[in-house]
Amino acid sequence: MTPEFIIDLGREAVMVSLLVAGPLLLSGLAVGLLVSILQATTQIQEATLSFVPKILAVMLAALIFAPWMMTVLTEFAGRLLGNLATAIG
């Protein structure tokens, strides 16, 4: 197992985690921005008004993107286990 292999594996793991978490984080960010604009315009400072829509948006995004996320994770796990024999020696 070479240092280059470990670095490449770590880079790929970070990229997969960013790809999987991206849609959830972006949906929460977009809804949070819209709610913040709404709160600033109407001067309503209710904590649950900003919290509940973000949770619902992230849950909806998780339901929508779950098949794609599972495909990405399964492909990564397949590549990881496929390279296990070459990594060990």
PDB file of N, CA and C in Angstrom:
ATOM      1  N   MET A   1       0.856  -1.167   0.000  1.00  0.00           N
ATOM      2  CA  MET A   1       0.000   0.000   0.000  1.00  0.00           C
ATOM      3  C   MET A   1       0.905   1.233   0.000  1.00  0.00           C
ATOM      4  N   THR A   2       0.826   1.975  -1.079  1.00  0.00           N
ATOM      5  CA  THR A   2       1.694   3.141  -1.234  1.00  0.00           C
ATOM      6  C   THR A   2       1.012   4.378  -0.669  1.00  0.00           C
ATOM      7  N   PRO A   3       1.816   5.385  -0.325  1.00  0.00           N
ATOM      8  CA  PRO A   3       1.216   6.637   0.156  1.00  0.00           C
ATOM      9  C   PRO A   3       0.324   7.305  -0.892  1.00  0.00           C
ATOM     10  N   GLU A   4       0.670   7.148  -2.170  1.00  0.00           N
ATOM     11  CA  GLU A   4      -0.143   7.730  -3.234  1.00  0.00           C
ATOM     12  C   GLU A   4      -1.523   7.082  -3.277  1.00  0.00           C
ATOM     13  N   PHE A   5      -1.554   5.765  -3.056  1.00  0.00           N
ATOM     14  CA  PHE A   5      -2.835   5.058  -3.042  1.00  0.00           C
ATOM     15  C   PHE A   5      -3.708   5.541  -1.893  1.00  0.00           C
ATOM     16  N   ILE A   6      -3.129   5.725  -0.738  1.00  0.00           N
ATOM     17  CA  ILE A   6      -3.887   6.175   0.432  1.00  0.00           C
ATOM     18  C   ILE A   6      -4.394   7.592   0.230  1.00  0.00           C
ATOM     19  N   ILE A   7      -3.568   8.452  -0.337  1.00  0.00           N
ATOM     20  CA  ILE A   7      -3.982   9.833  -0.605  1.00  0.00           C
ATOM     21  C   ILE A   7      -5.104   9.860  -1.637  1.00  0.00           C
ATOM     22  N   ASP A   8      -4.969   9.041  -2.679  1.00  0.00           N
ATOM     23  CA  ASP A   8      -6.020   8.973  -3.707  1.00  0.00           C
ATOM     24  C   ASP A   8      -7.318   8.432  -3.122  1.00  0.00           C
ATOM     25  N   LEU A   9      -7.226   7.436  -2.265  1.00  0.00           N
ATOM     26  CA  LEU A   9      -8.406   6.883  -1.615  1.00  0.00           C
ATOM     27  C   LEU A   9      -9.079   7.911  -0.707  1.00  0.00           C
ATOM     28  N   GLY A  10      -8.278   8.649   0.038  1.00  0.00           N
ATOM     29  CA  GLY A  10      -8.830   9.706   0.897  1.00  0.00           C
ATOM     30  C   GLY A  10      -9.494  10.808   0.092  1.00  0.00           C
ATOM     31  N   ARG A  11      -8.863  11.179  -1.023  1.00  0.00           N
ATOM     32  CA  ARG A  11      -9.444  12.213  -1.890  1.00  0.00           C
ATOM     33  C   ARG A  11     -10.775  11.745  -2.451  1.00  0.00           C
ATOM     34  N   GLU A  12     -10.824  10.496  -2.898  1.00  0.00           N
ATOM     35  CA  GLU A  12     -12.065   9.966  -3.448  1.00  0.00           C
ATOM     36  C   GLU A  12     -13.157   9.870  -2.382  1.00  0.00           C
ATOM     37  N   ALA A  13     -12.776   9.512  -1.154  1.00  0.00           N
ATOM     38  CA  ALA A  13     -13.758   9.433  -0.067  1.00  0.00           C
ATOM     39  C   ALA A  13     -14.327  10.811   0.264  1.00  0.00           C
ATOM     40  N   VAL A  14     -13.487  11.825   0.248  1.00  0.00           N
ATOM     41  CA  VAL A  14     -13.968  13.191   0.509  1.00  0.00           C
ATOM     42  C   VAL A  14     -14.888  13.650  -0.618  1.00  0.00           C
ATOM     43  N   MET A  15     -14.528  13.341  -1.869  1.00  0.00           N
ATOM     44  CA  MET A  15     -15.371  13.742  -2.992  1.00  0.00           C
ATOM     45  C   MET A  15     -16.733  13.041  -2.951  1.00  0.00           C
ATOM     46  N   VAL A  16     -16.748  11.777  -2.583  1.00  0.00           N
ATOM     47  CA  VAL A  16     -18.019  11.054  -2.497  1.00  0.00           C
ATOM     48  C   VAL A  16     -18.873  11.629  -1.374  1.00  0.00           C
ATOM     49  N   SER A  17     -18.255  11.940  -0.244  1.00  0.00           N
ATOM     50  CA  SER A  17     -19.036  12.509   0.862  1.00  0.00           C
ATOM     51  C   SER A  17     -19.581  13.887   0.509  1.00  0.00           C
ATOM     52  N   LEU A  18     -18.820  14.680  -0.234  1.00  0.00           N
ATOM     53  CA  LEU A  18     -19.327  15.983  -0.678  1.00  0.00           C
ATOM     54  C   LEU A  18     -20.461  15.824  -1.683  1.00  0.00           C
ATOM     55  N   LEU A  19     -20.335  14.860  -2.581  1.00  0.00           N
ATOM     56  CA  LEU A  19     -21.399  14.620  -3.556  1.00  0.00           C
ATOM     57  C   LEU A  19     -22.687  14.163  -2.876  1.00  0.00           C
ATOM     58  N   VAL A  20     -22.554  13.301  -1.887  1.00  0.00           N
ATOM     59  CA  VAL A  20     -23.736  12.771  -1.219  1.00  0.00           C
ATOM     60  C   VAL A  20     -24.388  13.834  -0.336  1.00  0.00           C
ATOM     61  N   ALA A  21     -23.585  14.628   0.354  1.00  0.00           N
ATOM     62  CA  ALA A  21     -24.144  15.626   1.263  1.00  0.00           C
ATOM     63  C   ALA A  21     -24.570  16.910   0.550  1.00  0.00           C
ATOM     64  N   GLY A  22     -24.082  17.121  -0.663  1.00  0.00           N
ATOM     65  CA  GLY A  22     -24.354  18.360  -1.386  1.00  0.00           C
ATOM     66  C   GLY A  22     -25.816  18.712  -1.571  1.00  0.00           C
ATOM     67  N   PRO A  23     -26.632  17.820  -2.106  1.00  0.00           N
ATOM     68  CA  PRO A  23     -28.040  18.178  -2.314  1.00  0.00           C
ATOM     69  C   PRO A  23     -28.775  18.510  -1.014  1.00  0.00           C
ATOM     70  N   LEU A  24     -28.458  17.800   0.050  1.00  0.00           N
ATOM     71  CA  LEU A  24     -29.123  18.071   1.326  1.00  0.00           C
ATOM     72  C   LEU A  24     -28.706  19.437   1.875  1.00  0.00           C
ATOM     73  N   LEU A  25     -27.414  19.721   1.809  1.00  0.00           N
ATOM     74  CA  LEU A  25     -26.931  21.004   2.317  1.00  0.00           C
ATOM     75  C   LEU A  25     -27.429  22.175   1.476  1.00  0.00           C
ATOM     76  N   LEU A  26     -27.453  21.994   0.162  1.00  0.00           N
ATOM     77  CA  LEU A  26     -27.913  23.080  -0.704  1.00  0.00           C
ATOM     78  C   LEU A  26     -29.402  23.362  -0.539  1.00  0.00           C
ATOM     79  N   SER A  27     -30.200  22.329  -0.337  1.00  0.00           N
ATOM     80  CA  SER A  27     -31.631  22.565  -0.122  1.00  0.00           C
ATOM     81  C   SER A  27     -31.856  23.278   1.208  1.00  0.00           C
ATOM     82  N   GLY A  28     -31.142  22.882   2.242  1.00  0.00           N
ATOM     83  CA  GLY A  28     -31.258  23.576   3.528  1.00  0.00           C
ATOM     84  C   GLY A  28     -30.791  25.018   3.441  1.00  0.00           C
ATOM     85  N   LEU A  29     -29.728  25.246   2.668  1.00  0.00           N
ATOM     86  CA  LEU A  29     -29.220  26.604   2.489  1.00  0.00           C
ATOM     87  C   LEU A  29     -30.209  27.480   1.739  1.00  0.00           C
ATOM     88  N   ALA A  30     -30.792  26.938   0.673  1.00  0.00           N
ATOM     89  CA  ALA A  30     -31.739  27.719  -0.130  1.00  0.00           C
ATOM     90  C   ALA A  30     -32.996  28.070   0.671  1.00  0.00           C
ATOM     91  N   VAL A  31     -33.537  27.100   1.394  1.00  0.00           N
ATOM     92  CA  VAL A  31     -34.739  27.366   2.188  1.00  0.00           C
ATOM     93  C   VAL A  31     -34.414  28.316   3.336  1.00  0.00           C
ATOM     94  N   GLY A  32     -33.263  28.162   3.951  1.00  0.00           N
ATOM     95  CA  GLY A  32     -32.859  29.072   5.016  1.00  0.00           C
ATOM     96  C   GLY A  32     -32.718  30.503   4.527  1.00  0.00           C
ATOM     97  N   LEU A  33     -32.175  30.659   3.324  1.00  0.00           N
ATOM     98  CA  LEU A  33     -32.040  32.004   2.752  1.00  0.00           C
ATOM     99  C   LEU A  33     -33.405  32.617   2.461  1.00  0.00           C
ATOM    100  N   LEU A  34     -34.307  31.823   1.890  1.00  0.00           N
ATOM    101  CA  LEU A  34     -35.648  32.340   1.607  1.00  0.00           C
ATOM    102  C   LEU A  34     -36.398  32.717   2.883  1.00  0.00           C
ATOM    103  N   VAL A  35     -36.288  31.886   3.901  1.00  0.00           N
ATOM    104  CA  VAL A  35     -36.961  32.187   5.173  1.00  0.00           C
ATOM    105  C   VAL A  35     -36.340  33.414   5.825  1.00  0.00           C
ATOM    106  N   SER A  36     -35.035  33.559   5.732  1.00  0.00           N
ATOM    107  CA  SER A  36     -34.378  34.744   6.303  1.00  0.00           C
ATOM    108  C   SER A  36     -34.823  36.019   5.606  1.00  0.00           C
ATOM    109  N   ILE A  37     -34.945  35.950   4.294  1.00  0.00           N
ATOM    110  CA  ILE A  37     -35.437  37.120   3.548  1.00  0.00           C
ATOM    111  C   ILE A  37     -36.869  37.431   3.950  1.00  0.00           C
ATOM    112  N   LEU A  38     -37.691  36.403   4.086  1.00  0.00           N
ATOM    113  CA  LEU A  38     -39.078  36.594   4.517  1.00  0.00           C
ATOM    114  C   LEU A  38     -39.144  37.195   5.926  1.00  0.00           C
ATOM    115  N   GLN A  39     -38.310  36.703   6.815  1.00  0.00           N
ATOM    116  CA  GLN A  39     -38.306  37.231   8.184  1.00  0.00           C
ATOM    117  C   GLN A  39     -37.811  38.674   8.223  1.00  0.00           C
ATOM    118  N   ALA A  40     -36.815  38.989   7.410  1.00  0.00           N
ATOM    119  CA  ALA A  40     -36.307  40.361   7.398  1.00  0.00           C
ATOM    120  C   ALA A  40     -37.333  41.322   6.814  1.00  0.00           C
ATOM    121  N   THR A  41     -38.096  40.847   5.831  1.00  0.00           N
ATOM    122  CA  THR A  41     -39.095  41.730   5.217  1.00  0.00           C
ATOM    123  C   THR A  41     -40.282  41.961   6.133  1.00  0.00           C
ATOM    124  N   THR A  42     -40.727  40.916   6.791  1.00  0.00           N
ATOM    125  CA  THR A  42     -41.922  41.043   7.629  1.00  0.00           C
ATOM    126  C   THR A  42     -41.593  41.344   9.094  1.00  0.00           C
ATOM    127  N   GLN A  43     -40.328  41.322   9.450  1.00  0.00           N
ATOM    128  CA  GLN A  43     -39.850  41.569  10.814  1.00  0.00           C
ATOM    129  C   GLN A  43     -40.449  40.595  11.821  1.00  0.00           C
ATOM    130  N   ILE A  44     -40.664  39.355  11.375  1.00  0.00           N
ATOM    131  CA  ILE A  44     -41.103  38.281  12.273  1.00  0.00           C
ATOM    132  C   ILE A  44     -39.853  37.529  12.697  1.00  0.00           C
ATOM    133  N   GLN A  45     -39.582  37.475  13.985  1.00  0.00           N
ATOM    134  CA  GLN A  45     -38.384  36.806  14.487  1.00  0.00           C
ATOM    135  C   GLN A  45     -38.765  35.566  15.292  1.00  0.00           C
ATOM    136  N   GLU A  46     -39.426  34.645  14.661  1.00  0.00           N
ATOM    137  CA  GLU A  46     -39.835  33.406  15.308  1.00  0.00           C
ATOM    138  C   GLU A  46     -38.798  32.323  14.989  1.00  0.00           C
ATOM    139  N   ALA A  47     -38.290  31.655  16.012  1.00  0.00           N
ATOM    140  CA  ALA A  47     -37.228  30.667  15.816  1.00  0.00           C
ATOM    141  C   ALA A  47     -37.717  29.444  15.055  1.00  0.00           C
ATOM    142  N   THR A  48     -38.923  29.007  15.338  1.00  0.00           N
ATOM    143  CA  THR A  48     -39.428  27.820  14.658  1.00  0.00           C
ATOM    144  C   THR A  48     -39.715  28.089  13.188  1.00  0.00           C
ATOM    145  N   LEU A  49     -39.945  29.339  12.840  1.00  0.00           N
ATOM    146  CA  LEU A  49     -40.208  29.682  11.442  1.00  0.00           C
ATOM    147  C   LEU A  49     -38.981  29.431  10.583  1.00  0.00           C
ATOM    148  N   SER A  50     -37.801  29.535  11.147  1.00  0.00           N
ATOM    149  CA  SER A  50     -36.597  29.264  10.354  1.00  0.00           C
ATOM    150  C   SER A  50     -36.150  27.814  10.471  1.00  0.00           C
ATOM    151  N   PHE A  51     -36.530  27.139  11.535  1.00  0.00           N
ATOM    152  CA  PHE A  51     -36.042  25.792  11.784  1.00  0.00           C
ATOM    153  C   PHE A  51     -36.865  24.712  11.080  1.00  0.00           C
ATOM    154  N   VAL A  52     -38.156  24.790  11.187  1.00  0.00           N
ATOM    155  CA  VAL A  52     -39.039  23.754  10.646  1.00  0.00           C
ATOM    156  C   VAL A  52     -38.971  23.663   9.119  1.00  0.00           C
ATOM    157  N   PRO A  53     -39.014  24.759   8.359  1.00  0.00           N
ATOM    158  CA  PRO A  53     -38.928  24.623   6.895  1.00  0.00           C
ATOM    159  C   PRO A  53     -37.604  24.011   6.429  1.00  0.00           C
ATOM    160  N   LYS A  54     -36.511  24.310   7.142  1.00  0.00           N
ATOM    161  CA  LYS A  54     -35.227  23.721   6.763  1.00  0.00           C
ATOM    162  C   LYS A  54     -35.239  22.217   6.967  1.00  0.00           C
ATOM    163  N   ILE A  55     -35.803  21.771   8.078  1.00  0.00           N
ATOM    164  CA  ILE A  55     -35.887  20.328   8.334  1.00  0.00           C
ATOM    165  C   ILE A  55     -36.732  19.651   7.264  1.00  0.00           C
ATOM    166  N   LEU A  56     -37.868  20.261   6.929  1.00  0.00           N
ATOM    167  CA  LEU A  56     -38.730  19.679   5.902  1.00  0.00           C
ATOM    168  C   LEU A  56     -38.051  19.652   4.536  1.00  0.00           C
ATOM    169  N   ALA A  57     -37.302  20.699   4.212  1.00  0.00           N
ATOM    170  CA  ALA A  57     -36.611  20.745   2.924  1.00  0.00           C
ATOM    171  C   ALA A  57     -35.520  19.685   2.842  1.00  0.00           C
ATOM    172  N   VAL A  58     -34.780  19.504   3.920  1.00  0.00           N
ATOM    173  CA  VAL A  58     -33.727  18.491   3.925  1.00  0.00           C
ATOM    174  C   VAL A  58     -34.327  17.090   3.846  1.00  0.00           C
ATOM    175  N   MET A  59     -35.435  16.873   4.547  1.00  0.00           N
ATOM    176  CA  MET A  59     -36.095  15.564   4.476  1.00  0.00           C
ATOM    177  C   MET A  59     -36.627  15.296   3.068  1.00  0.00           C
ATOM    178  N   LEU A  60     -37.214  16.296   2.442  1.00  0.00           N
ATOM    179  CA  LEU A  60     -37.718  16.140   1.079  1.00  0.00           C
ATOM    180  C   LEU A  60     -36.576  15.881   0.103  1.00  0.00           C
ATOM    181  N   ALA A  61     -35.477  16.615   0.260  1.00  0.00           N
ATOM    182  CA  ALA A  61     -34.314  16.389  -0.609  1.00  0.00           C
ATOM    183  C   ALA A  61     -33.733  14.998  -0.387  1.00  0.00           C
ATOM    184  N   ALA A  62     -33.751  14.520   0.852  1.00  0.00           N
ATOM    185  CA  ALA A  62     -33.254  13.170   1.127  1.00  0.00           C
ATOM    186  C   ALA A  62     -34.132  12.131   0.449  1.00  0.00           C
ATOM    187  N   LEU A  63     -35.434  12.345   0.448  1.00  0.00           N
ATOM    188  CA  LEU A  63     -36.330  11.409  -0.230  1.00  0.00           C
ATOM    189  C   LEU A  63     -36.139  11.436  -1.745  1.00  0.00           C
ATOM    190  N   ILE A  64     -35.946  12.620  -2.288  1.00  0.00           N
ATOM    191  CA  ILE A  64     -35.798  12.750  -3.738  1.00  0.00           C
ATOM    192  C   ILE A  64     -34.457  12.195  -4.211  1.00  0.00           C
ATOM    193  N   PHE A  65     -33.385  12.510  -3.490  1.00  0.00           N
ATOM    194  CA  PHE A  65     -32.042  12.133  -3.937  1.00  0.00           C
ATOM    195  C   PHE A  65     -31.541  10.818  -3.353  1.00  0.00           C
ATOM    196  N   ALA A  66     -32.346  10.119  -2.568  1.00  0.00           N
ATOM    197  CA  ALA A  66     -31.900   8.876  -1.934  1.00  0.00           C
ATOM    198  C   ALA A  66     -31.444   7.811  -2.937  1.00  0.00           C
ATOM    199  N   PRO A  67     -32.151   7.567  -4.031  1.00  0.00           N
ATOM    200  CA  PRO A  67     -31.655   6.552  -4.978  1.00  0.00           C
ATOM    201  C   PRO A  67     -30.296   6.917  -5.579  1.00  0.00           C
ATOM    202  N   TRP A  68     -30.134   8.166  -5.940  1.00  0.00           N
ATOM    203  CA  TRP A  68     -28.859   8.611  -6.508  1.00  0.00           C
ATOM    204  C   TRP A  68     -27.738   8.522  -5.469  1.00  0.00           C
ATOM    205  N   MET A  69     -28.033   8.920  -4.223  1.00  0.00           N
ATOM    206  CA  MET A  69     -27.025   8.864  -3.170  1.00  0.00           C
ATOM    207  C   MET A  69     -26.603   7.422  -2.900  1.00  0.00           C
ATOM    208  N   MET A  70     -27.564   6.500  -2.897  1.00  0.00           N
ATOM    209  CA  MET A  70     -27.242   5.086  -2.684  1.00  0.00           C
ATOM    210  C   MET A  70     -26.411   4.528  -3.836  1.00  0.00           C
ATOM    211  N   THR A  71     -26.685   4.978  -5.054  1.00  0.00           N
ATOM    212  CA  THR A  71     -25.899   4.538  -6.207  1.00  0.00           C
ATOM    213  C   THR A  71     -24.454   5.002  -6.081  1.00  0.00           C
ATOM    214  N   VAL A  72     -24.265   6.259  -5.713  1.00  0.00           N
ATOM    215  CA  VAL A  72     -22.917   6.800  -5.561  1.00  0.00           C
ATOM    216  C   VAL A  72     -22.170   6.059  -4.457  1.00  0.00           C
ATOM    217  N   LEU A  73     -22.817   5.836  -3.324  1.00  0.00           N
ATOM    218  CA  LEU A  73     -22.171   5.141  -2.214  1.00  0.00           C
ATOM    219  C   LEU A  73     -21.889   3.676  -2.548  1.00  0.00           C
ATOM    220  N   THR A  74     -22.800   3.035  -3.247  1.00  0.00           N
ATOM    221  CA  THR A  74     -22.590   1.637  -3.624  1.00  0.00           C
ATOM    222  C   THR A  74     -21.443   1.493  -4.612  1.00  0.00           C
ATOM    223  N   GLU A  75     -21.365   2.408  -5.578  1.00  0.00           N
ATOM    224  CA  GLU A  75     -20.252   2.363  -6.530  1.00  0.00           C
ATOM    225  C   GLU A  75     -18.923   2.593  -5.835  1.00  0.00           C
ATOM    226  N   PHE A  76     -18.884   3.525  -4.882  1.00  0.00           N
ATOM    227  CA  PHE A  76     -17.655   3.777  -4.147  1.00  0.00           C
ATOM    228  C   PHE A  76     -17.259   2.556  -3.326  1.00  0.00           C
ATOM    229  N   ALA A  77     -18.223   1.938  -2.664  1.00  0.00           N
ATOM    230  CA  ALA A  77     -17.930   0.749  -1.863  1.00  0.00           C
ATOM    231  C   ALA A  77     -17.461  -0.392  -2.765  1.00  0.00           C
ATOM    232  N   GLY A  78     -18.047  -0.532  -3.936  1.00  0.00           N
ATOM    233  CA  GLY A  78     -17.619  -1.558  -4.878  1.00  0.00           C
ATOM    234  C   GLY A  78     -16.188  -1.338  -5.339  1.00  0.00           C
ATOM    235  N   ARG A  79     -15.843  -0.079  -5.667  1.00  0.00           N
ATOM    236  CA  ARG A  79     -14.466   0.228  -6.055  1.00  0.00           C
ATOM    237  C   ARG A  79     -13.496  -0.012  -4.905  1.00  0.00           C
ATOM    238  N   LEU A  80     -13.925   0.344  -3.705  1.00  0.00           N
ATOM    239  CA  LEU A  80     -13.080   0.180  -2.524  1.00  0.00           C
ATOM    240  C   LEU A  80     -12.814  -1.296  -2.257  1.00  0.00           C
ATOM    241  N   LEU A  81     -13.852  -2.109  -2.282  1.00  0.00           N
ATOM    242  CA  LEU A  81     -13.681  -3.532  -2.037  1.00  0.00           C
ATOM    243  C   LEU A  81     -12.983  -4.230  -3.219  1.00  0.00           C
ATOM    244  N   GLY A  82     -13.175  -3.717  -4.416  1.00  0.00           N
ATOM    245  CA  GLY A  82     -12.488  -4.277  -5.580  1.00  0.00           C
ATOM    246  C   GLY A  82     -11.000  -4.035  -5.538  1.00  0.00           C
ATOM    247  N   ASN A  83     -10.582  -2.914  -4.989  1.00  0.00           N
ATOM    248  CA  ASN A  83      -9.161  -2.585  -4.885  1.00  0.00           C
ATOM    249  C   ASN A  83      -8.542  -3.122  -3.602  1.00  0.00           C
ATOM    250  N   LEU A  84      -9.320  -3.790  -2.791  1.00  0.00           N
ATOM    251  CA  LEU A  84      -8.817  -4.280  -1.511  1.00  0.00           C
ATOM    252  C   LEU A  84      -7.716  -5.319  -1.704  1.00  0.00           C
ATOM    253  N   ALA A  85      -7.883  -6.183  -2.683  1.00  0.00           N
ATOM    254  CA  ALA A  85      -6.869  -7.208  -2.924  1.00  0.00           C
ATOM    255  C   ALA A  85      -5.548  -6.598  -3.382  1.00  0.00           C
ATOM    256  N   THR A  86      -5.617  -5.568  -4.214  1.00  0.00           N
ATOM    257  CA  THR A  86      -4.374  -4.924  -4.669  1.00  0.00           C
ATOM    258  C   THR A  86      -3.770  -4.062  -3.584  1.00  0.00           C
ATOM    259  N   ALA A  87      -4.605  -3.533  -2.701  1.00  0.00           N
ATOM    260  CA  ALA A  87      -4.096  -2.675  -1.627  1.00  0.00           C
ATOM    261  C   ALA A  87      -3.360  -3.491  -0.569  1.00  0.00           C
ATOM    262  N   ILE A  88      -3.866  -4.675  -0.292  1.00  0.00           N
ATOM    263  CA  ILE A  88      -3.233  -5.513   0.720  1.00  0.00           C
ATOM    264  C   ILE A  88      -1.906  -6.089   0.201  1.00  0.00           C
ATOM    265  N   GLY A  89      -1.907  -6.450  -1.036  1.00  0.00           N
ATOM    266  CA  GLY A  89      -0.647  -6.947  -1.587  1.00  0.00           C
ATOM    267  C   GLY A  89      -0.847  -8.204  -2.247  1.00  0.00           C
TER     268      GLY A  89
END
